N, C-alpha and C. Protein backbone atom coordinates (compact mmCIF):
# COMPACT_ATOMS: atom_id res chain seq x y z
N MET A 1 36.25 78.48 34.93
CA MET A 1 35.62 77.40 33.80
C MET A 1 34.29 78.33 33.40
N ASP A 2 33.46 79.34 34.15
CA ASP A 2 32.54 79.64 32.73
C ASP A 2 32.65 81.14 31.40
N LYS A 3 34.43 80.70 31.47
CA LYS A 3 34.72 82.03 30.08
C LYS A 3 34.35 81.03 28.99
N PHE A 4 35.09 80.17 29.58
CA PHE A 4 36.03 78.59 28.74
C PHE A 4 34.36 78.41 28.14
N ASN A 5 33.76 77.91 29.01
CA ASN A 5 32.47 77.12 27.97
C ASN A 5 31.49 77.98 27.63
N ASN A 6 31.72 79.20 28.15
CA ASN A 6 31.27 80.29 26.87
C ASN A 6 32.30 80.65 25.49
N LEU A 7 33.27 80.62 26.18
CA LEU A 7 34.32 81.04 24.21
C LEU A 7 33.67 79.56 23.65
N SER A 8 33.96 77.68 24.07
CA SER A 8 32.95 77.43 23.51
C SER A 8 32.27 76.76 22.97
N SER A 9 31.30 77.85 23.16
CA SER A 9 30.18 77.56 22.63
C SER A 9 30.25 78.52 21.54
N ARG A 10 30.35 79.70 21.93
CA ARG A 10 30.83 80.82 20.56
C ARG A 10 30.92 80.38 19.91
N MET A 11 32.42 79.35 19.77
CA MET A 11 32.87 78.88 18.98
C MET A 11 32.18 77.76 17.93
N GLU A 12 31.37 77.59 18.46
CA GLU A 12 30.75 75.84 17.73
C GLU A 12 29.65 77.11 17.26
N GLU A 13 29.19 77.73 17.54
CA GLU A 13 28.27 78.87 17.02
C GLU A 13 29.12 79.08 15.97
N LEU A 14 30.21 79.36 15.66
CA LEU A 14 30.70 80.13 14.66
C LEU A 14 31.22 78.99 13.43
N VAL A 15 31.64 78.01 13.73
CA VAL A 15 31.67 76.77 13.17
C VAL A 15 30.53 76.43 12.18
N ASN A 16 28.81 76.04 12.94
CA ASN A 16 28.38 75.69 12.18
C ASN A 16 27.99 77.39 11.14
N ALA A 17 27.55 78.21 11.76
CA ALA A 17 27.87 78.90 10.79
C ALA A 17 27.83 79.02 9.70
N SER A 18 29.47 78.96 9.31
CA SER A 18 30.37 78.87 8.02
C SER A 18 30.42 77.35 7.76
N ARG A 19 29.25 76.47 8.12
CA ARG A 19 29.16 74.94 7.34
C ARG A 19 28.25 75.91 6.83
N LEU A 20 27.17 76.49 7.94
CA LEU A 20 25.88 76.81 7.20
C LEU A 20 26.03 76.91 5.91
N ASN A 21 26.75 78.44 5.93
CA ASN A 21 27.51 79.09 4.26
C ASN A 21 27.44 78.40 3.55
N SER A 22 28.65 77.78 4.05
CA SER A 22 28.90 77.11 2.70
C SER A 22 28.62 76.11 2.29
N LEU A 23 27.41 75.46 2.65
CA LEU A 23 26.58 74.31 2.60
C LEU A 23 25.71 75.74 1.26
N LEU A 24 25.17 76.80 1.76
CA LEU A 24 24.61 77.60 0.88
C LEU A 24 24.80 78.80 -0.13
N ALA A 25 26.19 78.20 0.08
CA ALA A 25 26.77 78.79 -1.20
C ALA A 25 26.87 77.69 -2.19
N LYS A 26 27.42 76.40 -1.79
CA LYS A 26 26.97 75.33 -3.05
C LYS A 26 26.37 74.99 -3.31
N ARG A 27 24.82 76.32 -2.44
CA ARG A 27 23.30 75.23 -3.56
C ARG A 27 22.90 76.05 -4.32
N GLU A 28 23.36 77.38 -4.10
CA GLU A 28 23.74 78.54 -5.30
C GLU A 28 23.97 77.98 -6.24
N GLU A 29 25.15 77.62 -6.06
CA GLU A 29 26.71 77.24 -7.57
C GLU A 29 25.71 76.43 -8.06
N ASP A 30 25.00 75.26 -7.47
CA ASP A 30 23.94 74.20 -7.84
C ASP A 30 22.71 74.53 -8.51
N GLU A 31 22.25 75.44 -8.10
CA GLU A 31 21.18 76.00 -8.39
C GLU A 31 21.94 76.53 -9.54
N LYS A 32 22.92 77.67 -9.74
CA LYS A 32 22.95 78.90 -11.00
C LYS A 32 23.29 77.61 -11.78
N LYS A 33 24.47 75.99 -11.98
CA LYS A 33 24.92 75.08 -12.49
C LYS A 33 22.95 74.20 -13.40
N LYS A 34 21.60 74.05 -12.68
CA LYS A 34 21.29 73.89 -13.57
C LYS A 34 20.64 74.69 -13.77
N ASN A 35 20.28 75.97 -13.69
CA ASN A 35 19.45 77.24 -14.52
C ASN A 35 20.25 76.83 -15.86
N THR A 36 21.49 77.37 -16.12
CA THR A 36 22.14 77.42 -17.08
C THR A 36 22.00 75.85 -18.20
N ILE A 37 22.12 74.49 -17.57
CA ILE A 37 21.28 74.14 -18.39
C ILE A 37 20.11 73.47 -18.80
N ILE A 38 19.15 73.70 -17.97
CA ILE A 38 17.86 74.45 -18.38
C ILE A 38 17.69 75.24 -20.24
N TRP A 39 18.78 76.61 -19.51
CA TRP A 39 18.49 77.65 -20.94
C TRP A 39 18.98 76.83 -21.85
N VAL A 40 20.24 76.01 -21.65
CA VAL A 40 20.74 75.58 -22.92
C VAL A 40 19.66 74.65 -23.87
N LEU A 41 19.24 73.75 -22.57
CA LEU A 41 19.24 72.95 -23.86
C LEU A 41 17.10 73.51 -24.35
N ALA A 42 16.48 74.36 -23.27
CA ALA A 42 15.41 75.41 -24.13
C ALA A 42 15.81 76.00 -25.00
N ILE A 43 17.29 76.06 -25.80
CA ILE A 43 17.32 76.70 -26.53
C ILE A 43 17.42 75.96 -28.04
N ILE A 44 18.10 74.74 -27.46
CA ILE A 44 18.51 74.24 -28.37
C ILE A 44 17.10 73.45 -29.02
N GLY A 45 15.98 73.17 -27.52
CA GLY A 45 14.71 72.56 -28.15
C GLY A 45 14.14 73.90 -29.26
N ALA A 46 14.09 75.03 -28.50
CA ALA A 46 13.65 76.31 -29.56
C ALA A 46 13.67 75.97 -31.15
N ILE A 47 15.33 75.34 -31.01
CA ILE A 47 16.06 75.81 -32.35
C ILE A 47 15.76 74.40 -32.51
N ALA A 48 15.07 73.35 -32.14
CA ALA A 48 15.05 72.47 -33.12
C ALA A 48 13.19 72.14 -33.33
N ALA A 49 12.74 72.58 -32.86
CA ALA A 49 11.47 72.83 -33.00
C ALA A 49 10.92 73.82 -34.22
N VAL A 50 11.79 75.17 -34.21
CA VAL A 50 11.61 75.82 -35.69
C VAL A 50 12.24 75.37 -36.95
N ALA A 51 13.70 74.42 -36.84
CA ALA A 51 13.77 73.15 -37.93
C ALA A 51 12.96 72.78 -38.57
N GLY A 52 12.60 71.78 -36.97
CA GLY A 52 11.42 70.77 -37.99
C GLY A 52 9.98 71.57 -38.37
N ILE A 53 8.96 72.59 -37.97
CA ILE A 53 8.54 73.37 -38.28
C ILE A 53 8.90 73.45 -39.90
N ALA A 54 9.95 73.92 -40.03
CA ALA A 54 10.96 74.72 -41.43
C ALA A 54 10.59 74.07 -42.23
N PHE A 55 10.58 72.49 -41.91
CA PHE A 55 10.69 71.37 -43.18
C PHE A 55 9.63 70.59 -43.23
N ALA A 56 8.84 71.26 -42.36
CA ALA A 56 7.57 70.29 -42.57
C ALA A 56 7.06 71.05 -44.02
N VAL A 57 6.77 72.78 -43.50
CA VAL A 57 5.90 73.83 -44.16
C VAL A 57 6.74 73.10 -45.86
N TYR A 58 7.89 73.17 -45.84
CA TYR A 58 8.68 73.02 -47.32
C TYR A 58 8.55 71.29 -47.77
N LYS A 59 8.68 70.63 -46.99
CA LYS A 59 7.45 69.11 -47.55
C LYS A 59 5.60 69.07 -47.67
N PHE A 60 5.78 69.87 -47.37
CA PHE A 60 3.84 70.99 -47.70
C PHE A 60 3.57 71.32 -49.24
N PHE A 61 4.52 72.34 -49.08
CA PHE A 61 5.10 73.46 -50.21
C PHE A 61 5.25 72.99 -51.26
N THR A 62 6.60 72.09 -51.99
CA THR A 62 7.36 71.74 -52.12
C THR A 62 6.19 70.87 -53.10
N PRO A 63 6.46 71.19 -54.74
CA PRO A 63 5.82 68.97 -55.21
C PRO A 63 5.74 68.71 -55.49
N ASP A 64 5.50 67.18 -56.15
CA ASP A 64 5.86 66.29 -56.58
C ASP A 64 6.46 66.08 -57.65
N TYR A 65 7.05 66.01 -57.94
CA TYR A 65 7.34 66.33 -59.82
C TYR A 65 8.09 64.47 -59.93
N LEU A 66 8.55 64.07 -58.93
CA LEU A 66 8.54 62.10 -58.93
C LEU A 66 7.48 61.21 -59.99
N GLU A 67 6.52 61.83 -59.00
CA GLU A 67 5.23 61.06 -58.88
C GLU A 67 4.89 60.75 -60.47
N ASP A 68 4.55 62.31 -60.69
CA ASP A 68 4.05 62.43 -62.22
C ASP A 68 4.85 61.46 -62.90
N PHE A 69 6.01 61.67 -62.85
CA PHE A 69 6.99 61.09 -63.77
C PHE A 69 6.58 59.35 -63.49
N GLU A 70 6.66 58.71 -62.32
CA GLU A 70 6.63 57.40 -62.87
C GLU A 70 5.49 57.06 -63.03
N GLU A 71 3.55 57.51 -62.61
CA GLU A 71 2.77 57.84 -63.55
C GLU A 71 2.85 57.12 -65.11
N ASP A 72 3.60 58.75 -65.80
CA ASP A 72 3.63 58.32 -67.28
C ASP A 72 4.51 57.52 -67.60
N PHE A 73 5.52 56.71 -67.17
CA PHE A 73 6.55 55.86 -67.30
C PHE A 73 5.72 54.53 -67.17
N ASP A 74 4.92 54.01 -66.02
CA ASP A 74 4.05 52.90 -65.96
C ASP A 74 2.91 52.90 -66.86
N ASP A 75 2.83 54.28 -67.53
CA ASP A 75 1.53 53.81 -68.30
C ASP A 75 1.72 53.52 -69.53
N ASP A 76 3.05 54.18 -70.05
CA ASP A 76 4.05 53.38 -71.57
C ASP A 76 4.76 52.12 -71.88
N PHE A 77 5.24 52.09 -70.18
CA PHE A 77 5.52 50.66 -70.40
C PHE A 77 4.17 49.27 -70.34
N ASP A 78 3.69 50.01 -69.67
CA ASP A 78 1.93 48.86 -70.14
C ASP A 78 1.53 48.67 -72.07
N TYR A 79 2.19 49.94 -72.17
CA TYR A 79 1.41 50.53 -73.63
C TYR A 79 2.17 49.14 -74.24
N ASP A 80 3.52 49.74 -73.93
CA ASP A 80 4.54 48.84 -74.92
C ASP A 80 3.62 47.02 -75.22
N PHE A 81 3.42 46.92 -73.36
CA PHE A 81 3.33 45.21 -73.65
C PHE A 81 2.14 44.57 -74.59
N ASP A 82 1.45 45.96 -74.70
CA ASP A 82 -0.20 45.75 -74.79
C ASP A 82 -0.50 45.33 -76.71
N ASP A 83 0.99 46.80 -77.26
CA ASP A 83 1.28 46.03 -78.31
C ASP A 83 1.50 45.17 -78.71
N GLU A 84 2.60 44.37 -78.14
CA GLU A 84 3.02 43.07 -78.59
C GLU A 84 2.45 41.95 -78.46
N THR A 85 1.51 41.70 -76.81
CA THR A 85 0.05 41.15 -77.37
C THR A 85 -0.31 40.91 -78.70
N GLU A 86 -1.01 42.16 -79.11
CA GLU A 86 -2.15 42.51 -79.95
C GLU A 86 -1.65 41.60 -81.99
N GLU A 87 -0.44 41.46 -81.75
CA GLU A 87 0.92 41.73 -82.63
C GLU A 87 0.41 39.96 -82.60
């Protein structure tokens, strides 16, 4: 009977060890997936940051020609009305 109990306890130890190994393997797979997701998001974030900075620099250094055009147009328009009221 003692051999049976000894064998039974060894079987339980093996089953517990296999469960522990499977849990550790699953945990490692989950960590790899999380690590991959973090890398992908970091790369996307870096690309978005560079694109945002490039756009801001472009907007800062590009002259605004439309603003000058609108000011000239408004001045001419006001001048036309002034001429009609004087006559």
